[in-house]
Structure formats: structure tokens, C-alpha cells
Amino acid sequence: MKTTKPASWFRLYAEFATDPKVQMLSEQDQRRYIMLLCFRCSNGDVTLHDEEVTFLLRVTADEWASTKARLLAKNLIGEDNKPTA
């Protein structure tokens, strides 16, 4: 008999919709940030290296580098791709 692991979840506060740090990002970067939150939630403390994030987001290394730079500048993630809050 196959058992399934319960789905992981994280709380996203409504203020996300009005947070200037987030709202000044493009919709594309907002989506990538949300996806990164999902990856972190489903992978626990496993480090997501840039190559893994690139694959999971289905973007090029250059696209992720640009997005990562913007997320770092807003202090939304750390160098290790973990959300800061």
C-alpha cells in the first residue's frame, strides 16, 4: 500500500499584496519569488543551489542571476536562496 506524505504549506500574509518591496518587482519576479517560497517549503532545510533553482523555475542561468540580484537587493532572499522572512 502506497502512503502519501501530507502536503506542506506556508502562510502568505495578505500584506504581500501591498508590500512595496514585492510590488515594485515585476510580475515575473513576484512569481519566481513565490515559487522559491514553495520550493523552500517542500524541501525543508535542503540547500537549493542556483543550478537547482534554475532547473525548477525552467529559466536560464542568466535569467535566474538577474532575478536573484533583484530579490537580494530587496532583502527577500539570502545568497543561499533562502527567504529572509
Protein backbone atom coordinates (compact mmCIF):
# COMPACT_ATOMS: atom_id res chain seq x y z
CA MET A 1 0.00 0.00 0.00
CA LYS A 2 1.40 3.36 -1.03
CA THR A 3 1.30 6.11 1.55
CA THR A 4 1.41 9.73 0.61
CA LYS A 5 3.11 12.45 2.55
CA PRO A 6 0.79 15.25 3.64
CA ALA A 7 1.17 18.38 1.57
CA SER A 8 3.39 21.06 3.07
CA TRP A 9 2.13 24.60 3.25
CA PHE A 10 3.29 28.01 4.26
CA ARG A 11 1.45 31.12 5.35
CA LEU A 12 1.38 34.08 3.00
CA TYR A 13 0.10 37.20 4.68
CA ALA A 14 -2.35 39.48 2.88
CA GLU A 15 0.13 42.37 3.20
CA PHE A 16 2.11 40.66 0.44
CA ALA A 17 -0.29 42.41 -1.96
CA THR A 18 0.67 45.85 -0.66
CA ASP A 19 4.29 45.34 0.43
CA PRO A 20 6.33 47.91 -1.55
CA LYS A 21 9.36 45.58 -1.75
CA VAL A 22 7.25 42.97 -3.51
CA GLN A 23 5.02 45.26 -5.53
CA MET A 24 7.99 47.06 -7.06
CA LEU A 25 9.10 43.74 -8.55
CA SER A 26 7.83 42.70 -11.95
CA GLU A 27 5.05 40.10 -12.02
CA GLN A 28 7.62 37.66 -13.36
CA ASP A 29 9.93 38.20 -10.39
CA GLN A 30 6.99 38.03 -7.98
CA ARG A 31 6.06 34.65 -9.44
CA ARG A 32 9.63 33.40 -9.17
CA TYR A 33 9.76 34.55 -5.55
CA ILE A 34 6.51 32.70 -4.75
CA MET A 35 7.86 29.59 -6.49
CA LEU A 36 11.06 29.86 -4.44
CA LEU A 37 8.94 30.01 -1.28
CA CYS A 38 7.15 26.84 -2.43
CA PHE A 39 10.44 25.07 -3.15
CA ARG A 40 11.78 26.01 0.28
CA CYS A 41 8.61 24.79 1.97
CA SER A 42 8.62 21.43 0.21
CA ASN A 43 12.38 20.86 0.64
CA GLY A 44 12.83 21.72 4.31
CA ASP A 45 16.36 22.78 5.12
CA VAL A 46 17.85 21.37 1.92
CA THR A 47 20.02 23.99 0.26
CA LEU A 48 18.73 24.95 -3.16
CA HIS A 49 21.75 25.81 -5.24
CA ASP A 50 21.44 28.19 -8.18
CA GLU A 51 21.59 25.29 -10.66
CA GLU A 52 18.65 23.60 -8.93
CA VAL A 53 16.61 26.79 -8.80
CA THR A 54 17.32 27.41 -12.47
CA PHE A 55 16.07 23.93 -13.32
CA LEU A 56 13.00 24.13 -11.07
CA LEU A 57 11.99 27.52 -12.44
CA ARG A 58 12.75 26.42 -16.01
CA VAL A 59 14.82 29.53 -16.65
CA THR A 60 18.33 30.12 -17.91
CA ALA A 61 21.23 30.76 -15.56
CA ASP A 62 21.33 34.38 -16.73
CA GLU A 63 17.59 34.84 -16.08
CA TRP A 64 17.94 33.44 -12.56
CA ALA A 65 21.05 35.55 -11.88
CA SER A 66 19.11 38.71 -12.79
CA THR A 67 16.08 37.73 -10.72
CA LYS A 68 18.26 36.67 -7.79
CA ALA A 69 20.07 40.02 -7.86
CA ARG A 70 16.76 41.87 -7.64
CA LEU A 71 15.48 39.63 -4.81
CA LEU A 72 18.78 40.08 -2.95
CA ALA A 73 18.61 43.85 -3.40
CA LYS A 74 15.15 43.85 -1.78
CA ASN A 75 16.46 41.57 1.01
CA LEU A 76 13.80 38.99 0.18
CA ILE A 77 16.32 36.14 -0.04
CA GLY A 78 19.87 35.46 1.06
CA GLU A 79 22.79 34.33 -1.07
CA ASP A 80 21.78 30.73 -0.28
CA ASN A 81 18.36 31.34 -1.93
CA LYS A 82 16.57 31.06 1.41
CA PRO A 83 13.80 33.60 2.11
CA THR A 84 14.85 36.10 4.75
CA ALA A 85 11.45 36.36 6.41
